[in-house]
Amino acid sequence: MPGYEKYGISVELVERVKAKMKDPVVKERVKTVLNNVTKVDLQDRAKVRKLLGLTSKALGEKLSEQQADNVVRFVLAQKIDPNNALHLIKLWNMFR
């Protein structure tokens, strides 16, 4: 079971997002939203919620309140540092 499933994030949602991220235009939109995000940002529930809203809009993916809450809990629990290559590799491995 992938780690994100423990947070109630469905494999179907992850697969849809992965497929959409293969489109270079969509990928650039998402990169623009997440540009300059810091570890502090990713530990702030309100900022993560806002980033999730912007990212889901860029992906054209509508999330229910429960799905959004699950993703926010997952991001906070991972303690992601976007400037730490090991953190990024760990995430990449989780979603490949």
C-alpha atoms as a PDB file:
ATOM      1  CA  MET A   1       0.000   0.000   0.000  1.00  0.00           C
ATOM      2  CA  PRO A   2       1.485   3.352  -1.016  1.00  0.00           C
ATOM      3  CA  GLY A   3       2.051   5.750   1.868  1.00  0.00           C
ATOM      4  CA  TYR A   4      -0.483   8.266   0.612  1.00  0.00           C
ATOM      5  CA  GLU A   5      -3.301   5.682   0.800  1.00  0.00           C
ATOM      6  CA  LYS A   6      -2.911   5.645   4.591  1.00  0.00           C
ATOM      7  CA  TYR A   7      -4.139   9.252   4.490  1.00  0.00           C
ATOM      8  CA  GLY A   8      -7.229   8.398   2.445  1.00  0.00           C
ATOM      9  CA  ILE A   9      -5.812   9.589  -0.871  1.00  0.00           C
ATOM     10  CA  SER A  10      -7.068   7.283  -3.602  1.00  0.00           C
ATOM     11  CA  VAL A  11      -4.810   5.615  -6.144  1.00  0.00           C
ATOM     12  CA  GLU A  12      -7.259   6.790  -8.834  1.00  0.00           C
ATOM     13  CA  LEU A  13      -6.743  10.447  -7.886  1.00  0.00           C
ATOM     14  CA  VAL A  14      -2.967  10.029  -7.876  1.00  0.00           C
ATOM     15  CA  GLU A  15      -3.047   8.290 -11.278  1.00  0.00           C
ATOM     16  CA  ARG A  16      -5.223  11.078 -12.784  1.00  0.00           C
ATOM     17  CA  VAL A  17      -2.850  13.740 -11.478  1.00  0.00           C
ATOM     18  CA  LYS A  18       0.205  11.843 -12.757  1.00  0.00           C
ATOM     19  CA  ALA A  19      -1.394  11.553 -16.214  1.00  0.00           C
ATOM     20  CA  LYS A  20      -2.233  15.273 -16.279  1.00  0.00           C
ATOM     21  CA  MET A  21       1.308  16.186 -15.187  1.00  0.00           C
ATOM     22  CA  LYS A  22       2.651  14.551 -18.362  1.00  0.00           C
ATOM     23  CA  ASP A  23       1.161  17.460 -20.337  1.00  0.00           C
ATOM     24  CA  PRO A  24       3.954  20.087 -20.507  1.00  0.00           C
ATOM     25  CA  VAL A  25       1.473  23.001 -20.334  1.00  0.00           C
ATOM     26  CA  VAL A  26      -0.181  21.654 -17.191  1.00  0.00           C
ATOM     27  CA  LYS A  27       3.199  20.810 -15.673  1.00  0.00           C
ATOM     28  CA  GLU A  28       4.386  24.404 -16.183  1.00  0.00           C
ATOM     29  CA  ARG A  29       1.197  25.768 -14.575  1.00  0.00           C
ATOM     30  CA  VAL A  30       1.773  23.581 -11.514  1.00  0.00           C
ATOM     31  CA  LYS A  31       5.469  24.521 -11.351  1.00  0.00           C
ATOM     32  CA  THR A  32       4.481  28.201 -11.417  1.00  0.00           C
ATOM     33  CA  VAL A  33       2.111  27.694  -8.468  1.00  0.00           C
ATOM     34  CA  LEU A  34       4.746  25.822  -6.447  1.00  0.00           C
ATOM     35  CA  ASN A  35       7.714  28.018  -7.374  1.00  0.00           C
ATOM     36  CA  ASN A  36       9.524  29.395  -4.311  1.00  0.00           C
ATOM     37  CA  VAL A  37       7.554  27.255  -1.825  1.00  0.00           C
ATOM     38  CA  THR A  38       9.545  26.709   1.366  1.00  0.00           C
ATOM     39  CA  LYS A  39       9.608  24.086   4.114  1.00  0.00           C
ATOM     40  CA  VAL A  40       7.890  26.610   6.402  1.00  0.00           C
ATOM     41  CA  ASP A  41       5.107  27.065   3.819  1.00  0.00           C
ATOM     42  CA  LEU A  42       4.606  23.305   3.665  1.00  0.00           C
ATOM     43  CA  GLN A  43       4.162  23.109   7.442  1.00  0.00           C
ATOM     44  CA  ASP A  44       1.493  25.827   7.549  1.00  0.00           C
ATOM     45  CA  ARG A  45      -1.984  24.276   7.194  1.00  0.00           C
ATOM     46  CA  ALA A  46      -3.534  27.434   5.709  1.00  0.00           C
ATOM     47  CA  LYS A  47      -0.759  27.867   3.132  1.00  0.00           C
ATOM     48  CA  VAL A  48      -0.879  24.195   2.151  1.00  0.00           C
ATOM     49  CA  ARG A  49      -4.659  24.466   1.736  1.00  0.00           C
ATOM     50  CA  LYS A  50      -4.249  27.545  -0.478  1.00  0.00           C
ATOM     51  CA  LEU A  51      -1.484  25.902  -2.540  1.00  0.00           C
ATOM     52  CA  LEU A  52      -3.660  22.811  -2.937  1.00  0.00           C
ATOM     53  CA  GLY A  53      -6.533  24.952  -4.225  1.00  0.00           C
ATOM     54  CA  LEU A  54      -4.289  26.696  -6.743  1.00  0.00           C
ATOM     55  CA  THR A  55      -2.684  23.434  -7.814  1.00  0.00           C
ATOM     56  CA  SER A  56      -5.970  21.584  -8.216  1.00  0.00           C
ATOM     57  CA  LYS A  57      -7.273  24.485 -10.312  1.00  0.00           C
ATOM     58  CA  ALA A  58      -4.133  24.362 -12.492  1.00  0.00           C
ATOM     59  CA  LEU A  59      -4.721  20.619 -12.934  1.00  0.00           C
ATOM     60  CA  GLY A  60      -8.448  20.999 -13.579  1.00  0.00           C
ATOM     61  CA  GLU A  61      -9.052  18.570 -10.709  1.00  0.00           C
ATOM     62  CA  LYS A  62     -12.002  19.192  -8.392  1.00  0.00           C
ATOM     63  CA  LEU A  63     -11.427  17.908  -4.871  1.00  0.00           C
ATOM     64  CA  SER A  64     -14.067  17.284  -2.231  1.00  0.00           C
ATOM     65  CA  GLU A  65     -13.537  18.772   1.222  1.00  0.00           C
ATOM     66  CA  GLN A  66     -12.567  15.324   2.503  1.00  0.00           C
ATOM     67  CA  GLN A  67     -10.047  14.774  -0.320  1.00  0.00           C
ATOM     68  CA  ALA A  68      -8.532  18.209   0.291  1.00  0.00           C
ATOM     69  CA  ASP A  69      -8.294  17.560   4.040  1.00  0.00           C
ATOM     70  CA  ASN A  70      -6.594  14.225   3.357  1.00  0.00           C
ATOM     71  CA  VAL A  71      -4.031  15.792   1.028  1.00  0.00           C
ATOM     72  CA  VAL A  72      -3.308  18.597   3.501  1.00  0.00           C
ATOM     73  CA  ARG A  73      -2.794  16.073   6.336  1.00  0.00           C
ATOM     74  CA  PHE A  74      -0.492  14.051   4.083  1.00  0.00           C
ATOM     75  CA  VAL A  75       1.645  17.069   3.099  1.00  0.00           C
ATOM     76  CA  LEU A  76       1.965  18.244   6.706  1.00  0.00           C
ATOM     77  CA  ALA A  77       2.914  14.757   7.903  1.00  0.00           C
ATOM     78  CA  GLN A  78       5.696  14.406   5.309  1.00  0.00           C
ATOM     79  CA  LYS A  79       7.603  17.448   6.653  1.00  0.00           C
ATOM     80  CA  ILE A  80       8.768  18.161   3.105  1.00  0.00           C
ATOM     81  CA  ASP A  81      11.743  20.423   2.527  1.00  0.00           C
ATOM     82  CA  PRO A  82      11.651  21.331  -1.186  1.00  0.00           C
ATOM     83  CA  ASN A  83      15.344  22.275  -1.012  1.00  0.00           C
ATOM     84  CA  ASN A  84      16.370  18.844   0.286  1.00  0.00           C
ATOM     85  CA  ALA A  85      17.096  16.424  -2.559  1.00  0.00           C
ATOM     86  CA  LEU A  86      16.527  13.388  -0.322  1.00  0.00           C
ATOM     87  CA  HIS A  87      13.009  14.578   0.539  1.00  0.00           C
ATOM     88  CA  LEU A  88      12.225  15.063  -3.134  1.00  0.00           C
ATOM     89  CA  ILE A  89      13.595  11.638  -4.059  1.00  0.00           C
ATOM     90  CA  LYS A  90      11.489  10.047  -1.317  1.00  0.00           C
ATOM     91  CA  LEU A  91       8.366  11.735  -2.686  1.00  0.00           C
ATOM     92  CA  TRP A  92       9.244  10.863  -6.268  1.00  0.00           C
ATOM     93  CA  ASN A  93       9.648   7.206  -5.298  1.00  0.00           C
ATOM     94  CA  MET A  94       6.307   7.241  -3.487  1.00  0.00           C
ATOM     95  CA  PHE A  95       4.436   8.462  -6.575  1.00  0.00           C
ATOM     96  CA  ARG A  96       6.208   6.816  -9.481  1.00  0.00           C
END
